[in-house]
Amino acid sequence: MKKIVKLVASLTIISAVCAAVLATVNAVTREQIASIKERATQNAARLVMPKSAKDVEPAGEGMFVGKGASGKAVAYAVVGKSAAGYGGDIVLMVGFTPDFQIVTYQKLEASETPGLGSNLASPGFMKQFKGMDAKADVKVKKDGGVVEAITSATITSRAVCGAVNAARAKLQAFLSAH
């Protein structure tokens, strides 16, 4: 009995020390991680803008406006999220023209299967979206749309379409309010 109490006490102390170390590391790195994530989001916003967007300005949570030389909005970059990915959430930065044509997108977060779903960021898959009219829902061919799904990764392909649609809905709400 004495050995069991001693063993439980030792494991409790080790667990408490590990928890304290993890909490300290989290507290120290939280701001750095948030800063890196914010820079990645801003960089993705610039990457999904057309060349005519000379100035990219934040316009709210996950929303950026690209202005041309005249100061008029020529594009929007919007974060879209779908929880329907095979490996979890898929978060994209999607570029739109003012008439809801897709410029392109950049992957912000995705944990899809390597070699299959991870191809959501491949140029071959992404090029299907360039210039696509996004006024209506974007869908894969199996669901009546025009997007050719990634081979053996239809769930991921549907989730990408869902993230694009979420970004479009967010943009529509933003434009309605402004």
N, C-alpha and C. Protein backbone atom coordinates (compact mmCIF):
# COMPACT_ATOMS: atom_id res chain seq x y z
N MET A 1 0.82 -1.19 0.00
CA MET A 1 0.00 0.00 0.00
C MET A 1 0.86 1.26 0.00
N LYS A 2 1.97 1.21 0.78
CA LYS A 2 2.87 2.34 0.87
C LYS A 2 3.50 2.65 -0.48
N LYS A 3 3.83 1.59 -1.25
CA LYS A 3 4.43 1.76 -2.56
C LYS A 3 3.46 2.44 -3.52
N ILE A 4 2.19 2.06 -3.45
CA ILE A 4 1.18 2.63 -4.34
C ILE A 4 1.01 4.12 -4.06
N VAL A 5 0.95 4.50 -2.78
CA VAL A 5 0.80 5.91 -2.42
C VAL A 5 2.01 6.71 -2.90
N LYS A 6 3.19 6.13 -2.74
CA LYS A 6 4.41 6.78 -3.17
C LYS A 6 4.42 6.95 -4.70
N LEU A 7 3.99 5.93 -5.42
CA LEU A 7 3.93 5.96 -6.87
C LEU A 7 2.91 7.01 -7.34
N VAL A 8 1.74 7.03 -6.73
CA VAL A 8 0.71 8.01 -7.10
C VAL A 8 1.21 9.43 -6.82
N ALA A 9 1.86 9.63 -5.70
CA ALA A 9 2.39 10.96 -5.36
C ALA A 9 3.45 11.38 -6.37
N SER A 10 4.34 10.46 -6.75
CA SER A 10 5.38 10.78 -7.74
C SER A 10 4.75 11.16 -9.08
N LEU A 11 3.78 10.37 -9.55
CA LEU A 11 3.13 10.66 -10.82
C LEU A 11 2.36 11.98 -10.78
N THR A 12 1.76 12.29 -9.65
CA THR A 12 1.03 13.55 -9.50
C THR A 12 1.99 14.73 -9.58
N ILE A 13 3.12 14.63 -8.92
CA ILE A 13 4.11 15.71 -8.94
C ILE A 13 4.67 15.89 -10.36
N ILE A 14 4.99 14.81 -11.03
CA ILE A 14 5.51 14.88 -12.40
C ILE A 14 4.46 15.50 -13.32
N SER A 15 3.23 15.10 -13.18
CA SER A 15 2.15 15.65 -14.02
C SER A 15 1.96 17.15 -13.75
N ALA A 16 2.02 17.54 -12.50
CA ALA A 16 1.85 18.96 -12.15
C ALA A 16 3.00 19.80 -12.72
N VAL A 17 4.22 19.30 -12.65
CA VAL A 17 5.37 20.02 -13.20
C VAL A 17 5.23 20.14 -14.73
N CYS A 18 4.84 19.05 -15.39
CA CYS A 18 4.65 19.09 -16.85
C CYS A 18 3.55 20.08 -17.24
N ALA A 19 2.47 20.08 -16.51
CA ALA A 19 1.37 21.01 -16.79
C ALA A 19 1.83 22.46 -16.60
N ALA A 20 2.62 22.71 -15.56
CA ALA A 20 3.13 24.06 -15.32
C ALA A 20 4.07 24.50 -16.44
N VAL A 21 4.93 23.61 -16.90
CA VAL A 21 5.84 23.94 -18.00
C VAL A 21 5.05 24.24 -19.27
N LEU A 22 4.06 23.41 -19.59
CA LEU A 22 3.25 23.64 -20.79
C LEU A 22 2.48 24.96 -20.70
N ALA A 23 1.94 25.26 -19.53
CA ALA A 23 1.21 26.52 -19.36
C ALA A 23 2.13 27.72 -19.54
N THR A 24 3.35 27.62 -19.03
CA THR A 24 4.33 28.69 -19.16
C THR A 24 4.73 28.90 -20.62
N VAL A 25 5.01 27.81 -21.32
CA VAL A 25 5.37 27.90 -22.73
C VAL A 25 4.22 28.52 -23.53
N ASN A 26 3.00 28.11 -23.24
CA ASN A 26 1.83 28.67 -23.92
C ASN A 26 1.72 30.18 -23.67
N ALA A 27 1.90 30.58 -22.43
CA ALA A 27 1.79 32.00 -22.09
C ALA A 27 2.89 32.83 -22.78
N VAL A 28 4.08 32.27 -22.87
CA VAL A 28 5.21 32.99 -23.47
C VAL A 28 5.06 33.09 -24.99
N THR A 29 4.53 32.06 -25.64
CA THR A 29 4.49 32.02 -27.11
C THR A 29 3.15 32.45 -27.71
N ARG A 30 2.14 32.66 -26.92
CA ARG A 30 0.80 32.98 -27.43
C ARG A 30 0.80 34.20 -28.35
N GLU A 31 1.43 35.28 -27.91
CA GLU A 31 1.45 36.51 -28.71
C GLU A 31 2.26 36.34 -30.00
N GLN A 32 3.37 35.61 -29.92
CA GLN A 32 4.18 35.38 -31.11
C GLN A 32 3.41 34.56 -32.15
N ILE A 33 2.71 33.54 -31.69
CA ILE A 33 1.92 32.71 -32.59
C ILE A 33 0.81 33.53 -33.24
N ALA A 34 0.13 34.35 -32.47
CA ALA A 34 -0.94 35.20 -33.00
C ALA A 34 -0.37 36.19 -34.02
N SER A 35 0.79 36.75 -33.75
CA SER A 35 1.43 37.69 -34.67
C SER A 35 1.81 37.01 -35.98
N ILE A 36 2.37 35.82 -35.90
CA ILE A 36 2.75 35.07 -37.10
C ILE A 36 1.51 34.72 -37.92
N LYS A 37 0.45 34.32 -37.24
CA LYS A 37 -0.80 33.98 -37.93
C LYS A 37 -1.39 35.22 -38.62
N GLU A 38 -1.33 36.36 -37.98
CA GLU A 38 -1.84 37.60 -38.56
C GLU A 38 -1.02 38.01 -39.79
N ARG A 39 0.29 37.88 -39.71
CA ARG A 39 1.14 38.20 -40.87
C ARG A 39 0.85 37.25 -42.02
N ALA A 40 0.64 35.96 -41.72
CA ALA A 40 0.32 34.99 -42.77
C ALA A 40 -1.01 35.34 -43.43
N THR A 41 -1.98 35.79 -42.64
CA THR A 41 -3.28 36.18 -43.18
C THR A 41 -3.13 37.40 -44.08
N GLN A 42 -2.38 38.40 -43.64
CA GLN A 42 -2.17 39.60 -44.45
C GLN A 42 -1.42 39.28 -45.74
N ASN A 43 -0.43 38.40 -45.65
CA ASN A 43 0.32 38.00 -46.84
C ASN A 43 -0.60 37.26 -47.82
N ALA A 44 -1.44 36.37 -47.31
CA ALA A 44 -2.38 35.64 -48.16
C ALA A 44 -3.34 36.60 -48.84
N ALA A 45 -3.77 37.65 -48.12
CA ALA A 45 -4.67 38.64 -48.72
C ALA A 45 -4.01 39.31 -49.91
N ARG A 46 -2.73 39.62 -49.79
CA ARG A 46 -2.02 40.24 -50.91
C ARG A 46 -1.88 39.27 -52.09
N LEU A 47 -1.66 38.00 -51.77
CA LEU A 47 -1.45 37.00 -52.83
C LEU A 47 -2.71 36.70 -53.64
N VAL A 48 -3.89 36.90 -53.05
CA VAL A 48 -5.13 36.59 -53.77
C VAL A 48 -5.71 37.81 -54.50
N MET A 49 -5.02 38.92 -54.41
CA MET A 49 -5.46 40.14 -55.09
C MET A 49 -4.91 40.19 -56.51
N PRO A 50 -5.66 40.78 -57.43
CA PRO A 50 -5.11 40.97 -58.78
C PRO A 50 -4.02 42.05 -58.74
N LYS A 51 -3.23 42.09 -59.80
CA LYS A 51 -2.13 43.07 -59.86
C LYS A 51 -2.64 44.52 -59.82
N SER A 52 -3.88 44.73 -60.21
CA SER A 52 -4.44 46.08 -60.21
C SER A 52 -4.69 46.62 -58.79
N ALA A 53 -4.64 45.75 -57.79
CA ALA A 53 -4.81 46.18 -56.40
C ALA A 53 -3.47 46.69 -55.88
N LYS A 54 -3.33 47.99 -55.85
CA LYS A 54 -2.06 48.61 -55.45
C LYS A 54 -1.94 48.74 -53.94
N ASP A 55 -3.07 48.87 -53.27
CA ASP A 55 -3.08 49.07 -51.83
C ASP A 55 -4.07 48.09 -51.20
N VAL A 56 -3.62 47.30 -50.25
CA VAL A 56 -4.49 46.32 -49.58
C VAL A 56 -4.67 46.76 -48.14
N GLU A 57 -5.93 46.99 -47.76
CA GLU A 57 -6.24 47.49 -46.42
C GLU A 57 -7.16 46.53 -45.68
N PRO A 58 -6.94 46.33 -44.38
CA PRO A 58 -7.88 45.53 -43.60
C PRO A 58 -9.23 46.24 -43.52
N ALA A 59 -10.30 45.46 -43.56
CA ALA A 59 -11.64 46.04 -43.52
C ALA A 59 -12.52 45.30 -42.52
N GLY A 60 -11.92 44.70 -41.53
CA GLY A 60 -12.67 43.93 -40.54
C GLY A 60 -12.03 42.57 -40.35
N GLU A 61 -12.64 41.78 -39.52
CA GLU A 61 -12.13 40.44 -39.20
C GLU A 61 -12.12 39.56 -40.45
N GLY A 62 -10.92 39.19 -40.92
CA GLY A 62 -10.80 38.31 -42.07
C GLY A 62 -11.26 38.93 -43.38
N MET A 63 -11.20 40.25 -43.48
CA MET A 63 -11.68 40.95 -44.68
C MET A 63 -10.67 42.03 -45.06
N PHE A 64 -10.30 42.06 -46.34
CA PHE A 64 -9.37 43.05 -46.85
C PHE A 64 -9.92 43.63 -48.14
N VAL A 65 -9.64 44.91 -48.37
CA VAL A 65 -10.06 45.58 -49.60
C VAL A 65 -8.81 45.96 -50.37
N GLY A 66 -8.79 45.58 -51.65
CA GLY A 66 -7.69 45.96 -52.53
C GLY A 66 -8.13 47.14 -53.37
N LYS A 67 -7.39 48.24 -53.27
CA LYS A 67 -7.74 49.45 -54.01
C LYS A 67 -6.77 49.68 -55.16
N GLY A 68 -7.33 50.15 -56.26
CA GLY A 68 -6.52 50.45 -57.44
C GLY A 68 -5.87 51.81 -57.32
N ALA A 69 -5.21 52.23 -58.38
CA ALA A 69 -4.51 53.51 -58.40
C ALA A 69 -5.46 54.68 -58.15
N SER A 70 -6.72 54.53 -58.54
CA SER A 70 -7.71 55.60 -58.35
C SER A 70 -8.26 55.64 -56.92
N GLY A 71 -7.93 54.64 -56.11
CA GLY A 71 -8.45 54.58 -54.74
C GLY A 71 -9.76 53.82 -54.63
N LYS A 72 -10.25 53.33 -55.75
CA LYS A 72 -11.51 52.58 -55.78
C LYS A 72 -11.23 51.08 -55.55
N ALA A 73 -12.16 50.41 -54.88
CA ALA A 73 -12.00 48.97 -54.61
C ALA A 73 -11.99 48.19 -55.92
N VAL A 74 -10.93 47.40 -56.13
CA VAL A 74 -10.84 46.57 -57.33
C VAL A 74 -10.91 45.08 -56.98
N ALA A 75 -10.80 44.77 -55.69
CA ALA A 75 -10.86 43.37 -55.26
C ALA A 75 -11.04 43.29 -53.75
N TYR A 76 -11.43 42.11 -53.31
CA TYR A 76 -11.61 41.84 -51.89
C TYR A 76 -10.94 40.51 -51.57
N ALA A 77 -10.36 40.41 -50.41
CA ALA A 77 -9.80 39.16 -49.91
C ALA A 77 -10.55 38.83 -48.63
N VAL A 78 -11.11 37.62 -48.59
CA VAL A 78 -11.99 37.25 -47.49
C VAL A 78 -11.62 35.87 -46.98
N VAL A 79 -11.59 35.70 -45.67
CA VAL A 79 -11.35 34.40 -45.07
C VAL A 79 -12.65 33.61 -45.09
N GLY A 80 -12.58 32.39 -45.60
CA GLY A 80 -13.72 31.48 -45.60
C GLY A 80 -13.33 30.19 -44.90
N LYS A 81 -14.25 29.62 -44.16
CA LYS A 81 -13.95 28.43 -43.37
C LYS A 81 -15.02 27.37 -43.61
N SER A 82 -14.58 26.12 -43.73
CA SER A 82 -15.49 24.99 -43.80
C SER A 82 -15.04 23.96 -42.78
N ALA A 83 -15.97 23.47 -42.00
CA ALA A 83 -15.67 22.44 -41.00
C ALA A 83 -15.81 21.05 -41.59
N ALA A 84 -16.08 20.95 -42.89
CA ALA A 84 -16.39 19.67 -43.52
C ALA A 84 -15.19 18.99 -44.16
N GLY A 85 -13.99 19.43 -43.86
CA GLY A 85 -12.81 18.79 -44.43
C GLY A 85 -12.61 17.39 -43.87
N TYR A 86 -11.92 16.56 -44.60
CA TYR A 86 -11.68 15.18 -44.16
C TYR A 86 -10.85 15.15 -42.87
N GLY A 87 -9.89 16.07 -42.77
CA GLY A 87 -9.02 16.11 -41.60
C GLY A 87 -9.35 17.23 -40.63
N GLY A 88 -10.49 17.87 -40.81
CA GLY A 88 -10.88 18.97 -39.93
C GLY A 88 -11.21 20.22 -40.73
N ASP A 89 -11.05 21.36 -40.08
CA ASP A 89 -11.39 22.64 -40.72
C ASP A 89 -10.48 22.95 -41.90
N ILE A 90 -11.07 23.56 -42.91
CA ILE A 90 -10.30 24.11 -44.03
C ILE A 90 -10.57 25.61 -44.01
N VAL A 91 -9.50 26.38 -43.91
CA VAL A 91 -9.61 27.84 -43.88
C VAL A 91 -8.83 28.39 -45.06
N LEU A 92 -9.52 29.18 -45.88
CA LEU A 92 -8.92 29.75 -47.08
C LEU A 92 -9.04 31.26 -47.08
N MET A 93 -8.11 31.92 -47.74
CA MET A 93 -8.23 33.33 -48.07
C MET A 93 -8.62 33.34 -49.55
N VAL A 94 -9.79 33.90 -49.84
CA VAL A 94 -10.30 33.89 -51.20
C VAL A 94 -10.34 35.31 -51.74
N GLY A 95 -9.83 35.48 -52.95
CA GLY A 95 -9.86 36.78 -53.62
C GLY A 95 -11.04 36.87 -54.56
N PHE A 96 -11.77 37.99 -54.49
CA PHE A 96 -12.92 38.23 -55.35
C PHE A 96 -12.79 39.59 -56.02
N THR A 97 -13.31 39.70 -57.23
CA THR A 97 -13.48 40.99 -57.87
C THR A 97 -14.79 41.58 -57.33
N PRO A 98 -15.06 42.86 -57.55
CA PRO A 98 -16.32 43.44 -57.06
C PRO A 98 -17.58 42.77 -57.63
N ASP A 99 -17.46 42.09 -58.79
CA ASP A 99 -18.62 41.41 -59.35
C ASP A 99 -18.61 39.91 -59.04
N PHE A 100 -17.89 39.53 -57.98
CA PHE A 100 -17.88 38.18 -57.43
C PHE A 100 -17.24 37.13 -58.34
N GLN A 101 -16.26 37.55 -59.14
CA GLN A 101 -15.44 36.60 -59.87
C GLN A 101 -14.29 36.21 -58.94
N ILE A 102 -13.98 34.92 -58.89
CA ILE A 102 -12.89 34.47 -58.02
C ILE A 102 -11.56 34.78 -58.69
N VAL A 103 -10.65 35.43 -57.95
CA VAL A 103 -9.31 35.71 -58.44
C VAL A 103 -8.47 34.45 -58.23
N THR A 104 -8.37 34.01 -57.01
CA THR A 104 -7.70 32.77 -56.61
C THR A 104 -7.93 32.59 -55.12
N TYR A 105 -7.32 31.58 -54.54
CA TYR A 105 -7.37 31.41 -53.09
C TYR A 105 -6.03 30.92 -52.58
N GLN A 106 -5.83 31.09 -51.28
CA GLN A 106 -4.64 30.59 -50.59
C GLN A 106 -5.09 29.81 -49.37
N LYS A 107 -4.44 28.70 -49.13
CA LYS A 107 -4.75 27.88 -47.95
C LYS A 107 -4.14 28.55 -46.72
N LEU A 108 -4.97 28.78 -45.70
CA LEU A 108 -4.47 29.28 -44.42
C LEU A 108 -4.31 28.13 -43.43
N GLU A 109 -5.31 27.23 -43.39
CA GLU A 109 -5.26 26.08 -42.49
C GLU A 109 -5.95 24.90 -43.15
N ALA A 110 -5.33 23.74 -43.05
CA ALA A 110 -5.94 22.49 -43.50
C ALA A 110 -5.07 21.34 -43.01
N SER A 111 -5.71 20.28 -42.58
CA SER A 111 -5.00 19.09 -42.12
C SER A 111 -5.50 17.88 -42.91
N GLU A 112 -5.37 17.97 -44.21
CA GLU A 112 -5.90 16.91 -45.07
C GLU A 112 -4.84 15.83 -45.31
N THR A 113 -5.28 14.71 -45.84
CA THR A 113 -4.40 13.58 -46.09
C THR A 113 -3.28 13.95 -47.06
N PRO A 114 -2.01 13.72 -46.66
CA PRO A 114 -0.90 14.03 -47.56
C PRO A 114 -1.04 13.25 -48.87
N GLY A 115 -0.80 13.95 -49.98
CA GLY A 115 -0.86 13.32 -51.28
C GLY A 115 -2.25 13.23 -51.88
N LEU A 116 -3.28 13.46 -51.09
CA LEU A 116 -4.66 13.43 -51.60
C LEU A 116 -5.29 14.79 -51.32
N GLY A 117 -5.91 14.92 -50.16
CA GLY A 117 -6.58 16.16 -49.81
C GLY A 117 -5.65 17.36 -49.72
N SER A 118 -4.38 17.08 -49.44
CA SER A 118 -3.42 18.19 -49.36
C SER A 118 -3.23 18.86 -50.72
N ASN A 119 -3.72 18.22 -51.77
CA ASN A 119 -3.64 18.80 -53.11
C ASN A 119 -4.59 19.98 -53.31
N LEU A 120 -5.32 20.35 -52.28
CA LEU A 120 -6.20 21.51 -52.39
C LEU A 120 -5.41 22.77 -52.70
N ALA A 121 -4.12 22.76 -52.40
CA ALA A 121 -3.27 23.92 -52.68
C ALA A 121 -2.45 23.74 -53.95
N SER A 122 -2.72 22.68 -54.70
CA SER A 122 -1.95 22.45 -55.93
C SER A 122 -2.46 23.38 -57.05
N PRO A 123 -1.54 23.87 -57.87
CA PRO A 123 -1.95 24.77 -58.96
C PRO A 123 -3.00 24.15 -59.89
N GLY A 124 -2.92 22.85 -60.13
CA GLY A 124 -3.87 22.18 -61.01
C GLY A 124 -5.29 22.24 -60.50
N PHE A 125 -5.46 22.10 -59.19
CA PHE A 125 -6.80 22.18 -58.61
C PHE A 125 -7.25 23.63 -58.48
N MET A 126 -6.35 24.49 -58.04
CA MET A 126 -6.70 25.89 -57.80
C MET A 126 -7.09 26.63 -59.08
N LYS A 127 -6.48 26.27 -60.22
CA LYS A 127 -6.75 27.02 -61.45
C LYS A 127 -8.21 26.93 -61.89
N GLN A 128 -8.92 25.89 -61.44
CA GLN A 128 -10.34 25.76 -61.78
C GLN A 128 -11.17 26.93 -61.25
N PHE A 129 -10.71 27.52 -60.16
CA PHE A 129 -11.47 28.56 -59.50
C PHE A 129 -11.23 29.95 -60.10
N LYS A 130 -10.09 30.12 -60.77
CA LYS A 130 -9.73 31.43 -61.32
C LYS A 130 -10.77 31.89 -62.33
N GLY A 131 -11.34 33.06 -62.09
CA GLY A 131 -12.33 33.63 -62.99
C GLY A 131 -13.73 33.07 -62.84
N MET A 132 -13.91 32.13 -61.92
CA MET A 132 -15.22 31.51 -61.73
C MET A 132 -16.21 32.51 -61.15
N ASP A 133 -17.42 32.47 -61.64
CA ASP A 133 -18.49 33.32 -61.12
C ASP A 133 -18.96 32.71 -59.80
N ALA A 134 -18.84 33.45 -58.74
CA ALA A 134 -19.19 32.94 -57.42
C ALA A 134 -20.46 33.59 -56.86
N LYS A 135 -21.30 34.14 -57.75
CA LYS A 135 -22.55 34.73 -57.26
C LYS A 135 -23.47 33.66 -56.68
N ALA A 136 -23.39 32.46 -57.24
CA ALA A 136 -24.14 31.32 -56.72
C ALA A 136 -23.15 30.35 -56.08
N ASP A 137 -23.67 29.35 -55.38
CA ASP A 137 -22.80 28.39 -54.71
C ASP A 137 -21.85 27.69 -55.67
N VAL A 138 -20.61 27.58 -55.25
CA VAL A 138 -19.59 26.84 -55.99
C VAL A 138 -19.69 25.39 -55.50
N LYS A 139 -19.76 24.44 -56.46
CA LYS A 139 -19.92 23.03 -56.11
C LYS A 139 -19.04 22.15 -56.98
N VAL A 140 -18.76 20.94 -56.47
CA VAL A 140 -18.06 19.94 -57.28
C VAL A 140 -19.05 19.35 -58.29
N LYS A 141 -18.51 18.74 -59.35
CA LYS A 141 -19.36 18.17 -60.40
C LYS A 141 -20.34 17.14 -59.86
N LYS A 142 -19.91 16.34 -58.89
CA LYS A 142 -20.79 15.31 -58.33
C LYS A 142 -22.04 15.91 -57.68
N ASP A 143 -21.94 17.19 -57.30
CA ASP A 143 -23.07 17.88 -56.66
C ASP A 143 -23.76 18.85 -57.61
N GLY A 144 -23.45 18.73 -58.91
CA GLY A 144 -24.10 19.59 -59.89
C GLY A 144 -23.34 20.86 -60.22
N GLY A 145 -22.11 20.96 -59.78
CA GLY A 145 -21.30 22.14 -60.05
C GLY A 145 -20.33 21.93 -61.18
N VAL A 146 -19.29 22.76 -61.21
CA VAL A 146 -18.31 22.69 -62.29
C VAL A 146 -16.90 22.34 -61.81
N VAL A 147 -16.69 22.25 -60.51
CA VAL A 147 -15.36 21.97 -59.98
C VAL A 147 -15.08 20.47 -60.05
N GLU A 148 -13.98 20.13 -60.71
CA GLU A 148 -13.54 18.74 -60.79
C GLU A 148 -12.86 18.40 -59.47
N ALA A 149 -13.43 17.43 -58.75
CA ALA A 149 -12.90 17.07 -57.43
C ALA A 149 -11.50 16.47 -57.55
N ILE A 150 -10.73 16.63 -56.49
CA ILE A 150 -9.42 15.99 -56.41
C ILE A 150 -9.67 14.49 -56.34
N THR A 151 -8.95 13.71 -57.16
CA THR A 151 -9.12 12.27 -57.18
C THR A 151 -8.94 11.68 -55.78
N SER A 152 -9.91 10.91 -55.35
CA SER A 152 -9.91 10.26 -54.03
C SER A 152 -9.99 11.25 -52.87
N ALA A 153 -10.40 12.47 -53.15
CA ALA A 153 -10.51 13.48 -52.09
C ALA A 153 -11.73 14.36 -52.32
N THR A 154 -12.86 13.74 -52.61
CA THR A 154 -14.08 14.50 -52.86
C THR A 154 -14.52 15.27 -51.63
N ILE A 155 -14.33 14.71 -50.45
CA ILE A 155 -14.72 15.40 -49.21
C ILE A 155 -13.93 16.71 -49.09
N THR A 156 -12.65 16.64 -49.33
CA THR A 156 -11.81 17.84 -49.28
C THR A 156 -12.25 18.85 -50.33
N SER A 157 -12.52 18.37 -51.54
CA SER A 157 -12.94 19.26 -52.62
C SER A 157 -14.25 19.95 -52.27
N ARG A 158 -15.18 19.22 -51.68
CA ARG A 158 -16.44 19.83 -51.25
C ARG A 158 -16.19 20.87 -50.16
N ALA A 159 -15.26 20.57 -49.26
CA ALA A 159 -14.95 21.51 -48.18
C ALA A 159 -14.31 22.79 -48.73
N VAL A 160 -13.47 22.67 -49.76
CA VAL A 160 -12.89 23.86 -50.39
C VAL A 160 -14.02 24.71 -50.97
N CYS A 161 -14.94 24.06 -51.68
CA CYS A 161 -16.10 24.78 -52.23
C CYS A 161 -16.90 25.44 -51.11
N GLY A 162 -17.06 24.74 -49.99
CA GLY A 162 -17.77 25.29 -48.84
C GLY A 162 -17.07 26.51 -48.27
N ALA A 163 -15.74 26.47 -48.20
CA ALA A 163 -14.97 27.62 -47.69
C ALA A 163 -15.09 28.81 -48.64
N VAL A 164 -15.07 28.54 -49.95
CA VAL A 164 -15.24 29.61 -50.94
C VAL A 164 -16.63 30.22 -50.79
N ASN A 165 -17.64 29.37 -50.63
CA ASN A 165 -19.01 29.87 -50.46
C ASN A 165 -19.17 30.67 -49.17
N ALA A 166 -18.49 30.23 -48.11
CA ALA A 166 -18.55 30.97 -46.84
C ALA A 166 -17.89 32.34 -47.00
N ALA A 167 -16.78 32.39 -47.74
CA ALA A 167 -16.11 33.68 -47.99
C ALA A 167 -17.02 34.60 -48.80
N ARG A 168 -17.67 34.05 -49.82
CA ARG A 168 -18.58 34.86 -50.64
C ARG A 168 -19.72 35.42 -49.79
N ALA A 169 -20.31 34.58 -48.92
CA ALA A 169 -21.41 35.03 -48.06
C ALA A 169 -20.94 36.14 -47.12
N LYS A 170 -19.72 36.01 -46.62
CA LYS A 170 -19.15 37.03 -45.74
C LYS A 170 -18.95 38.34 -46.51
N LEU A 171 -18.49 38.23 -47.76
CA LEU A 171 -18.31 39.42 -48.59
C LEU A 171 -19.65 40.07 -48.90
N GLN A 172 -20.65 39.27 -49.23
CA GLN A 172 -21.99 39.82 -49.52
C GLN A 172 -22.53 40.58 -48.30
N ALA A 173 -22.35 40.02 -47.11
CA ALA A 173 -22.80 40.69 -45.89
C ALA A 173 -22.04 41.99 -45.67
N PHE A 174 -20.74 41.96 -45.92
CA PHE A 174 -19.91 43.16 -45.77
C PHE A 174 -20.36 44.26 -46.74
N LEU A 175 -20.57 43.90 -48.00
CA LEU A 175 -20.97 44.89 -49.01
C LEU A 175 -22.37 45.42 -48.73
N SER A 176 -23.25 44.60 -48.20
CA SER A 176 -24.60 45.05 -47.85
C SER A 176 -24.58 46.07 -46.72
N ALA A 177 -23.63 45.89 -45.80
CA ALA A 177 -23.54 46.78 -44.64
C ALA A 177 -22.80 48.08 -44.97
N HIS A 178 -22.06 48.11 -46.07
CA HIS A 178 -21.26 49.30 -46.40
C HIS A 178 -21.76 49.95 -47.63
